[in-house]
Amino acid sequence: MTSPAQSRPHPAPVGSRLSWPTHNADGGRRLLHCRRLVSGALVALLLPPAVACQSRPIMGGPPDMPGERVLESPPGLRIETFARDLEVIWGMVFTPDGRMLLTERPGRIRVIGADGHLDPTPWAVVDDVRARGEGGLMGIALHPDFPAQPWVYVMYTSNEHGGVNRVARIREEQGRGGRLEVILDDLPARANHNGGRIRFGPDGLLYVGAGEVWEKERAQDLDDPAGSVLRIAPDGSIPTENPFAGSPIFSYGHRNVQGIAWHPDTGELFTAEHGPSGEWPGVGGHDEINITERGKNYGWPLAVGAPGAQGLEDPLLMWPQGAPTGDLIFYDGDLMPDLRGDLFYSTLRSEALFRIRFQDPVDPHRPTAIERWFITPEGRSVYGRLRGMVVGPDGALYIGTSNQSRGTPRAGDDRILRVAPSGTGPPR
């Protein structure tokens, strides 16, 4: 396949491809950031200078949350291995003809046919992938009009410029990946906190989770894509309805968004992100799920938890211990009607799948029950680290393990699990 360096277009203004300047996390940048917050940026208008430039965050407890029920094996469901012997599965999508495309972190896009067989030859290999730490080939999405618009979108870490994250689209040609075109370039990249999840929303626009690459102050800078949810058109141009003119930033103040999903009934955007893990002594955990709205500030690194600070959005859900985030998806299939409308949250460090229910007839966004799946009574994980998820055309829920990186590989790892009712047969 053609390398990104050969096929990406030249830098261009808004309308073709956005290229962000790279920044260094030196003290000068932090001081400039602090002055911007005090002298007129949005956060400074809503928070006093002592808060905007503080050395530690405002700490809040968890929002109002239901208790958890732990289930090793959810009743009425069968968990089977759909595919095996893969390497750090990151994202999965189904094509309209029933194939599954999935990303492996080292740079391969694999294809599983509608018959359930894994093709030994990759659908495509992205040549310029820097698979170090948490970087590499990450999220994957299909053009909303696929296959009429035969584009497959990916986010990956490139070796160019010392390492940058890119969003690109690959044209399918005769059942294989062909030409690659970079549509969003020079996103910040590091060994950790690259974000990486990409999904098309109900509005037909592409949403991108961009991590703050372990430089927390960047998440409050509206001139910097780090620590944001970005929104672009399928060709990489910036939608005119974005909240900040000429910018792909949709929301900001995030740490490391890796879950993106939309409520099937209300259309609200839900995102999941990692909480702190070493920025301040004694402050850890606090992974959160947010209802994410255009132009809003989700608090990182000014606040942790749900302190109710003016101008900052509290999370819908927050876990003081455990996680970090893997992926987020609402179940919208017909095969398992008892799960319809439930939010599933895969986790890496917690090595569990969370099922979150919303059964309040007045408030469709209020969580009413939480189940933690695949944990034994002794507290051991059944399948290890879980990341990418997708609902298949058969209505089953497919989940990828991610044990070949930091976890403890089980037999067949990394693999894709298929969750279906106990009385049903294997996929067609």
Protein backbone atom coordinates (compact mmCIF):
# COMPACT_ATOMS: atom_id res chain seq x y z
CA MET A 1 0.00 0.00 0.00
CA THR A 2 1.20 3.53 -0.70
CA SER A 3 2.93 5.12 2.26
CA PRO A 4 1.30 8.17 3.88
CA ALA A 5 4.34 10.32 3.13
CA GLN A 6 3.88 9.71 -0.59
CA SER A 7 0.15 10.31 -0.86
CA ARG A 8 -0.83 12.91 1.72
CA PRO A 9 -1.75 16.31 0.27
CA HIS A 10 0.38 19.41 0.79
CA PRO A 11 -0.44 21.58 3.84
CA ALA A 12 -3.54 23.59 3.10
CA PRO A 13 -5.86 26.01 4.85
CA VAL A 14 -9.22 25.03 6.30
CA GLY A 15 -11.29 23.07 3.82
CA SER A 16 -8.86 20.36 2.82
CA ARG A 17 -6.68 19.22 5.69
CA LEU A 18 -5.78 20.80 8.99
CA SER A 19 -2.18 20.59 10.12
CA TRP A 20 -1.49 21.58 13.71
CA PRO A 21 1.88 23.02 14.78
CA THR A 22 3.77 20.86 17.24
CA HIS A 23 4.58 22.21 20.71
CA ASN A 24 7.08 21.42 23.40
CA ALA A 25 5.99 21.03 27.02
CA ASP A 26 8.54 23.46 28.42
CA GLY A 27 8.07 25.91 31.26
CA GLY A 28 7.62 28.84 28.89
CA ARG A 29 4.57 27.25 27.34
CA ARG A 30 3.04 26.57 30.74
CA LEU A 31 3.55 30.18 31.82
CA LEU A 32 2.06 31.45 28.57
CA HIS A 33 -0.91 29.14 29.11
CA CYS A 34 -1.40 30.50 32.62
CA ARG A 35 -1.33 34.07 31.35
CA ARG A 36 -3.87 33.23 28.66
CA LEU A 37 -6.23 31.79 31.23
CA VAL A 38 -5.92 34.83 33.45
CA SER A 39 -6.04 37.47 30.76
CA GLY A 40 -9.04 36.48 28.75
CA ALA A 41 -9.50 32.86 27.71
CA LEU A 42 -12.87 31.27 28.37
CA VAL A 43 -11.83 29.53 31.58
CA ALA A 44 -10.53 32.79 33.05
CA LEU A 45 -13.93 34.36 32.55
CA LEU A 46 -15.55 31.64 34.62
CA LEU A 47 -12.90 30.77 37.20
CA PRO A 48 -10.83 33.05 39.45
CA PRO A 49 -7.11 33.33 38.63
CA ALA A 50 -6.20 31.35 41.76
CA VAL A 51 -8.10 28.39 40.36
CA ALA A 52 -7.03 28.81 36.74
CA CYS A 53 -3.31 28.71 37.65
CA GLN A 54 -3.39 26.38 40.63
CA SER A 55 -0.84 23.59 41.05
CA ARG A 56 -3.42 21.00 42.19
CA PRO A 57 -6.94 20.37 40.90
CA ILE A 58 -10.22 21.08 42.61
CA MET A 59 -11.19 17.69 44.03
CA GLY A 60 -14.78 16.44 43.94
CA GLY A 61 -16.42 13.19 44.91
CA PRO A 62 -18.26 10.89 42.52
CA PRO A 63 -21.61 11.97 41.09
CA ASP A 64 -24.76 10.20 42.28
CA MET A 65 -24.31 6.63 41.06
CA PRO A 66 -26.12 3.33 41.61
CA GLY A 67 -24.32 0.43 43.25
CA GLU A 68 -22.62 -2.27 41.18
CA ARG A 69 -23.51 -5.91 40.71
CA VAL A 70 -20.55 -8.17 39.83
CA LEU A 71 -21.19 -11.06 37.43
CA GLU A 72 -18.64 -13.63 36.31
CA SER A 73 -20.98 -15.00 33.65
CA PRO A 74 -24.08 -12.93 32.77
CA PRO A 75 -27.16 -15.17 32.88
CA GLY A 76 -28.73 -16.14 29.59
CA LEU A 77 -25.67 -15.21 27.52
CA ARG A 78 -22.95 -17.27 25.87
CA ILE A 79 -19.42 -15.93 25.40
CA GLU A 80 -17.45 -17.53 22.59
CA THR A 81 -14.26 -16.80 20.69
CA PHE A 82 -15.00 -15.32 17.27
CA ALA A 83 -11.36 -14.82 16.17
CA ARG A 84 -8.02 -15.50 17.81
CA ASP A 85 -4.23 -15.08 17.54
CA LEU A 86 -4.41 -11.34 16.86
CA GLU A 87 -2.14 -8.59 18.23
CA VAL A 88 -3.46 -5.70 20.37
CA ILE A 89 -6.89 -5.25 18.82
CA TRP A 90 -7.82 -1.57 18.93
CA GLY A 91 -10.97 -1.01 16.86
CA MET A 92 -13.54 -2.99 14.88
CA VAL A 93 -16.24 -2.17 12.31
CA PHE A 94 -18.62 -4.21 10.19
CA THR A 95 -19.16 -3.46 6.51
CA PRO A 96 -22.68 -3.64 5.04
CA ASP A 97 -21.83 -6.97 3.37
CA GLY A 98 -21.03 -8.58 6.75
CA ARG A 99 -17.22 -8.40 6.84
CA MET A 100 -15.40 -7.21 9.93
CA LEU A 101 -12.43 -4.87 9.62
CA LEU A 102 -10.21 -4.54 12.69
CA THR A 103 -7.02 -2.71 13.57
CA GLU A 104 -3.95 -4.23 15.20
CA ARG A 105 -1.66 -1.72 16.90
CA PRO A 106 1.50 -2.58 14.88
CA GLY A 107 -0.18 -1.25 11.70
CA ARG A 108 -2.29 -4.01 10.20
CA ILE A 109 -5.94 -3.78 9.21
CA ARG A 110 -7.32 -7.32 9.21
CA VAL A 111 -10.50 -8.61 7.62
CA ILE A 112 -12.83 -11.38 8.78
CA GLY A 113 -15.21 -12.55 6.07
CA ALA A 114 -18.97 -12.80 6.44
CA ASP A 115 -18.33 -16.55 6.87
CA GLY A 116 -16.39 -15.82 10.08
CA HIS A 117 -12.96 -16.75 8.74
CA LEU A 118 -9.95 -14.51 9.34
CA ASP A 119 -8.06 -13.71 6.14
CA PRO A 120 -4.35 -14.40 6.72
CA THR A 121 -3.52 -11.48 4.38
CA PRO A 122 -4.19 -8.05 5.88
CA TRP A 123 -6.80 -5.85 4.20
CA ALA A 124 -4.11 -3.15 4.36
CA VAL A 125 -0.87 -2.35 6.14
CA VAL A 126 -0.22 1.25 7.12
CA ASP A 127 3.52 1.50 6.52
CA ASP A 128 4.34 4.57 8.58
CA VAL A 129 3.14 3.44 12.01
CA ARG A 130 5.06 4.17 15.20
CA ALA A 131 3.86 1.36 17.50
CA ARG A 132 5.51 2.40 20.76
CA GLY A 133 3.87 2.52 24.16
CA GLU A 134 0.20 3.35 23.61
CA GLY A 135 0.79 4.69 20.10
CA GLY A 136 0.30 2.87 16.82
CA LEU A 137 -2.68 2.02 14.65
CA MET A 138 -5.75 2.83 16.72
CA GLY A 139 -9.36 3.69 15.83
CA ILE A 140 -11.26 2.72 12.69
CA ALA A 141 -14.53 3.93 11.13
CA LEU A 142 -16.46 3.59 7.87
CA HIS A 143 -17.74 6.46 5.78
CA PRO A 144 -21.48 6.83 6.56
CA ASP A 145 -22.28 6.05 2.88
CA PHE A 146 -19.95 3.06 2.58
CA PRO A 147 -19.61 1.36 0.08
CA ALA A 148 -20.95 4.09 -2.23
CA GLN A 149 -18.19 6.19 -0.66
CA PRO A 150 -15.63 3.39 -0.19
CA TRP A 151 -13.53 5.08 2.49
CA VAL A 152 -12.24 3.45 5.65
CA TYR A 153 -10.93 5.91 8.27
CA VAL A 154 -8.14 5.24 10.74
CA MET A 155 -6.18 7.13 13.38
CA TYR A 156 -2.53 6.22 13.83
CA THR A 157 0.79 7.40 15.19
CA SER A 158 3.26 8.32 12.44
CA ASN A 159 7.05 8.36 12.62
CA GLU A 160 7.24 11.72 10.86
CA HIS A 161 8.32 14.85 12.76
CA GLY A 162 9.49 12.67 15.65
CA GLY A 163 6.02 11.17 16.07
CA VAL A 164 2.61 12.71 15.35
CA ASN A 165 -0.92 11.36 15.31
CA ARG A 166 -2.90 11.43 12.09
CA VAL A 167 -6.39 10.71 10.85
CA ALA A 168 -6.42 9.23 7.37
CA ARG A 169 -8.83 7.56 5.02
CA ILE A 170 -8.09 4.54 2.86
CA ARG A 171 -10.05 3.81 -0.29
CA GLU A 172 -11.23 0.21 -0.69
CA GLU A 173 -10.38 -1.16 -4.12
CA GLN A 174 -11.54 -4.63 -5.10
CA GLY A 175 -11.95 -5.72 -1.51
CA ARG A 176 -8.57 -4.42 -0.32
CA GLY A 177 -7.19 -1.20 1.06
CA GLY A 178 -5.73 1.05 -1.63
CA ARG A 179 -4.85 4.71 -1.63
CA LEU A 180 -4.30 6.39 1.74
CA GLU A 181 -5.01 10.10 2.24
CA VAL A 182 -4.18 12.00 5.44
CA ILE A 183 -7.03 14.39 6.31
CA LEU A 184 -5.99 15.59 9.79
CA ASP A 185 -2.30 15.88 10.57
CA ASP A 186 0.19 16.87 13.27
CA LEU A 187 -1.96 15.91 16.23
CA PRO A 188 0.19 15.55 19.35
CA ALA A 189 1.68 12.12 20.01
CA ARG A 190 3.67 10.55 22.80
CA ALA A 191 4.21 7.08 24.21
CA ASN A 192 1.08 7.60 26.34
CA HIS A 193 -2.29 9.33 26.09
CA ASN A 194 -2.80 9.52 22.34
CA GLY A 195 -6.58 9.20 22.48
CA GLY A 196 -7.27 7.29 19.27
CA ARG A 197 -10.99 6.53 19.10
CA ILE A 198 -12.77 7.78 15.95
CA ARG A 199 -16.46 7.41 15.11
CA PHE A 200 -18.98 9.00 12.79
CA GLY A 201 -21.88 10.64 14.57
CA PRO A 202 -25.57 10.84 13.62
CA ASP A 203 -24.74 14.17 11.95
CA GLY A 204 -22.45 12.43 9.44
CA LEU A 205 -19.33 14.07 10.89
CA LEU A 206 -16.23 12.33 12.22
CA TYR A 207 -15.45 12.66 15.95
CA VAL A 208 -11.86 12.13 17.09
CA GLY A 209 -10.54 11.58 20.61
CA ALA A 210 -7.23 13.44 21.00
CA GLY A 211 -5.25 12.77 24.18
CA GLU A 212 -3.28 15.38 26.12
CA VAL A 213 -0.09 13.31 25.71
CA TRP A 214 0.72 13.60 29.42
CA GLU A 215 1.01 17.40 29.20
CA LYS A 216 -2.03 18.35 31.21
CA GLU A 217 -2.06 22.12 30.64
CA ARG A 218 -2.59 21.62 26.91
CA ALA A 219 -6.15 20.42 27.48
CA GLN A 220 -7.22 23.99 28.38
CA ASP A 221 -5.62 25.66 25.34
CA LEU A 222 -8.10 26.28 22.52
CA ASP A 223 -5.19 26.78 20.11
CA ASP A 224 -4.06 23.19 20.77
CA PRO A 225 -5.91 19.98 19.80
CA ALA A 226 -4.50 18.02 22.77
CA GLY A 227 -7.06 16.90 25.35
CA SER A 228 -10.05 17.51 23.09
CA VAL A 229 -12.82 15.85 21.16
CA LEU A 230 -12.39 16.99 17.56
CA ARG A 231 -15.07 17.08 14.85
CA ILE A 232 -14.34 17.18 11.12
CA ALA A 233 -16.18 16.48 7.87
CA PRO A 234 -15.49 13.24 5.98
CA ASP A 235 -13.01 15.08 3.73
CA GLY A 236 -11.16 16.60 6.70
CA SER A 237 -12.63 20.09 6.41
CA ILE A 238 -13.89 21.94 9.47
CA PRO A 239 -17.70 22.10 9.83
CA THR A 240 -19.07 25.63 10.01
CA GLU A 241 -21.25 24.60 12.97
CA ASN A 242 -18.24 23.77 15.16
CA PRO A 243 -18.23 25.87 18.34
CA PHE A 244 -14.92 27.65 17.69
CA ALA A 245 -14.60 29.26 14.27
CA GLY A 246 -11.98 27.62 12.07
CA SER A 247 -11.17 24.97 14.68
CA PRO A 248 -11.98 21.24 14.75
CA ILE A 249 -12.31 21.36 18.55
CA PHE A 250 -15.79 20.23 19.62
CA SER A 251 -15.15 20.02 23.39
CA TYR A 252 -12.05 20.41 25.52
CA GLY A 253 -10.65 19.92 29.02
CA HIS A 254 -10.34 16.14 28.47
CA ARG A 255 -7.45 13.95 29.56
CA ASN A 256 -7.45 10.94 27.21
CA VAL A 257 -10.73 10.16 25.43
CA GLN A 258 -10.94 6.57 24.18
CA GLY A 259 -14.70 5.98 24.27
CA ILE A 260 -17.19 7.70 21.92
CA ALA A 261 -20.87 6.71 21.61
CA TRP A 262 -24.29 8.27 21.00
CA HIS A 263 -27.48 7.58 22.95
CA PRO A 264 -29.75 5.69 20.52
CA ASP A 265 -32.89 7.62 21.51
CA THR A 266 -31.73 11.13 22.46
CA GLY A 267 -28.70 11.38 20.20
CA GLU A 268 -26.53 12.80 23.01
CA LEU A 269 -22.79 12.18 22.75
CA PHE A 270 -21.23 10.13 25.55
CA THR A 271 -17.44 9.96 25.96
CA ALA A 272 -15.18 8.03 28.34
CA GLU A 273 -11.70 9.07 29.42
CA HIS A 274 -8.88 8.14 31.74
CA GLY A 275 -8.51 9.85 35.11
CA PRO A 276 -5.26 10.99 36.76
CA SER A 277 -2.45 8.54 37.40
CA GLY A 278 0.54 10.37 38.76
CA GLU A 279 0.16 14.08 38.02
CA TRP A 280 -0.30 14.90 41.72
CA PRO A 281 0.74 12.88 44.78
CA GLY A 282 -2.10 10.73 46.09
CA VAL A 283 -4.50 11.51 43.22
CA GLY A 284 -5.41 8.56 41.00
CA GLY A 285 -8.33 6.69 39.50
CA HIS A 286 -11.34 8.88 38.69
CA ASP A 287 -12.01 7.52 35.20
CA GLU A 288 -15.17 9.15 33.94
CA ILE A 289 -18.03 9.04 31.47
CA ASN A 290 -19.37 12.38 30.28
CA ILE A 291 -22.34 13.62 28.32
CA THR A 292 -20.31 15.74 25.95
CA GLU A 293 -21.72 18.93 24.42
CA ARG A 294 -20.31 21.34 21.87
CA GLY A 295 -18.02 24.02 23.23
CA LYS A 296 -18.06 22.75 26.82
CA ASN A 297 -15.06 22.45 29.15
CA TYR A 298 -14.74 19.09 30.92
CA GLY A 299 -12.29 20.30 33.51
CA TRP A 300 -8.94 18.62 33.00
CA PRO A 301 -6.61 19.48 34.72
CA LEU A 302 -8.47 22.11 36.73
CA ALA A 303 -10.81 19.66 38.43
CA VAL A 304 -11.01 15.94 39.21
CA GLY A 305 -14.26 14.17 40.08
CA ALA A 306 -17.52 16.11 40.33
CA PRO A 307 -16.83 19.28 42.39
CA GLY A 308 -19.60 21.34 40.78
CA ALA A 309 -17.16 24.10 39.79
CA GLN A 310 -18.63 26.93 37.77
CA GLY A 311 -17.76 26.72 34.10
CA LEU A 312 -16.64 23.09 34.24
CA GLU A 313 -18.79 20.09 33.42
CA ASP A 314 -19.08 17.32 36.02
CA PRO A 315 -18.97 13.72 34.79
CA LEU A 316 -22.10 11.59 34.57
CA LEU A 317 -20.22 8.64 36.08
CA MET A 318 -16.84 8.38 37.78
CA TRP A 319 -14.93 5.51 39.36
CA PRO A 320 -12.49 6.52 42.14
CA GLN A 321 -10.65 3.23 41.65
CA GLY A 322 -9.99 1.04 38.66
CA ALA A 323 -10.41 1.32 34.89
CA PRO A 324 -8.79 2.91 32.71
CA THR A 325 -11.11 3.38 29.80
CA GLY A 326 -11.15 1.04 26.81
CA ASP A 327 -14.23 1.82 24.68
CA LEU A 328 -17.87 2.85 24.93
CA ILE A 329 -20.89 1.64 22.93
CA PHE A 330 -24.67 1.59 23.24
CA TYR A 331 -26.26 -1.72 22.37
CA ASP A 332 -28.79 -1.10 19.60
CA GLY A 333 -29.26 -4.60 18.17
CA ASP A 334 -32.37 -6.78 18.07
CA LEU A 335 -30.81 -10.11 19.08
CA MET A 336 -30.74 -9.27 22.81
CA PRO A 337 -33.76 -7.01 23.52
CA ASP A 338 -33.04 -6.97 27.28
CA LEU A 339 -29.81 -5.11 26.53
CA ARG A 340 -31.22 -2.58 24.09
CA GLY A 341 -30.34 0.98 25.09
CA ASP A 342 -27.74 -0.15 27.63
CA LEU A 343 -24.30 1.44 27.60
CA PHE A 344 -21.30 -0.90 27.58
CA TYR A 345 -17.95 0.31 28.87
CA SER A 346 -14.86 -1.84 28.33
CA THR A 347 -11.89 -1.38 30.63
CA LEU A 348 -8.19 -2.13 30.52
CA ARG A 349 -6.77 -2.01 34.03
CA SER A 350 -10.05 -3.13 35.62
CA GLU A 351 -10.24 -5.98 33.06
CA ALA A 352 -14.03 -5.94 33.10
CA LEU A 353 -17.02 -5.01 30.96
CA PHE A 354 -19.49 -2.62 32.56
CA ARG A 355 -23.17 -2.67 31.65
CA ILE A 356 -24.92 0.61 32.51
CA ARG A 357 -28.73 0.81 32.42
CA PHE A 358 -30.95 3.88 31.98
CA GLN A 359 -34.48 3.03 33.09
CA ASP A 360 -35.69 6.32 34.53
CA PRO A 361 -38.90 7.23 32.61
CA VAL A 362 -38.36 10.92 33.35
CA ASP A 363 -34.60 11.29 32.77
CA PRO A 364 -33.27 9.02 29.97
CA HIS A 365 -29.68 9.90 30.91
CA ARG A 366 -29.81 8.97 34.59
CA PRO A 367 -27.94 5.69 35.27
CA THR A 368 -30.18 3.33 37.23
CA ALA A 369 -28.08 0.13 37.42
CA ILE A 370 -24.47 -0.91 36.86
CA GLU A 371 -23.15 -4.43 36.33
CA ARG A 372 -19.47 -5.40 36.22
CA TRP A 373 -19.10 -8.45 33.98
CA PHE A 374 -16.38 -11.10 33.65
CA ILE A 375 -15.01 -10.88 37.21
CA THR A 376 -14.90 -14.00 39.40
CA PRO A 377 -16.10 -14.02 43.04
CA GLU A 378 -12.42 -13.95 44.03
CA GLY A 379 -11.91 -10.77 42.01
CA ARG A 380 -10.02 -12.30 39.07
CA SER A 381 -10.70 -11.30 35.48
CA VAL A 382 -11.99 -13.98 33.12
CA TYR A 383 -10.74 -12.43 29.84
CA GLY A 384 -8.23 -9.75 30.87
CA ARG A 385 -7.95 -6.32 29.30
CA LEU A 386 -10.85 -5.33 27.04
CA ARG A 387 -10.87 -2.51 24.51
CA GLY A 388 -12.67 -2.23 21.14
CA MET A 389 -16.36 -3.10 20.78
CA VAL A 390 -18.91 -3.24 17.99
CA VAL A 391 -22.47 -4.53 17.53
CA GLY A 392 -22.57 -6.94 14.60
CA PRO A 393 -25.19 -7.26 11.86
CA ASP A 394 -26.31 -10.44 13.64
CA GLY A 395 -27.08 -8.41 16.79
CA ALA A 396 -24.24 -9.95 18.83
CA LEU A 397 -21.81 -7.81 20.80
CA TYR A 398 -18.17 -8.22 19.75
CA ILE A 399 -15.33 -7.28 22.14
CA GLY A 400 -11.58 -7.30 21.48
CA THR A 401 -9.03 -8.23 24.14
CA SER A 402 -5.80 -6.25 24.54
CA ASN A 403 -3.56 -8.58 26.53
CA GLN A 404 -0.57 -8.71 24.20
CA SER A 405 0.55 -5.25 25.32
CA ARG A 406 0.42 -4.85 29.11
CA GLY A 407 -1.79 -7.71 30.16
CA THR A 408 -1.33 -11.43 30.78
CA PRO A 409 -2.16 -13.24 27.51
CA ARG A 410 -4.60 -16.14 27.69
CA ALA A 411 -4.73 -18.95 25.15
CA GLY A 412 -5.59 -17.47 21.75
CA ASP A 413 -4.95 -13.85 22.76
CA ASP A 414 -5.47 -11.41 21.48
CA ARG A 415 -8.94 -12.47 20.41
CA ILE A 416 -12.42 -11.24 19.69
CA LEU A 417 -15.22 -12.37 21.99
CA ARG A 418 -18.79 -12.73 20.77
CA VAL A 419 -21.63 -12.18 23.25
CA ALA A 420 -24.96 -13.69 22.21
CA PRO A 421 -27.99 -15.40 23.83
CA SER A 422 -27.33 -18.90 25.12
CA GLY A 423 -29.87 -20.49 22.81
CA THR A 424 -28.48 -19.08 19.56
CA GLY A 425 -25.96 -20.65 17.23
CA PRO A 426 -22.68 -19.29 15.91
CA PRO A 427 -22.63 -16.35 13.47
CA ARG A 428 -23.59 -17.11 9.90
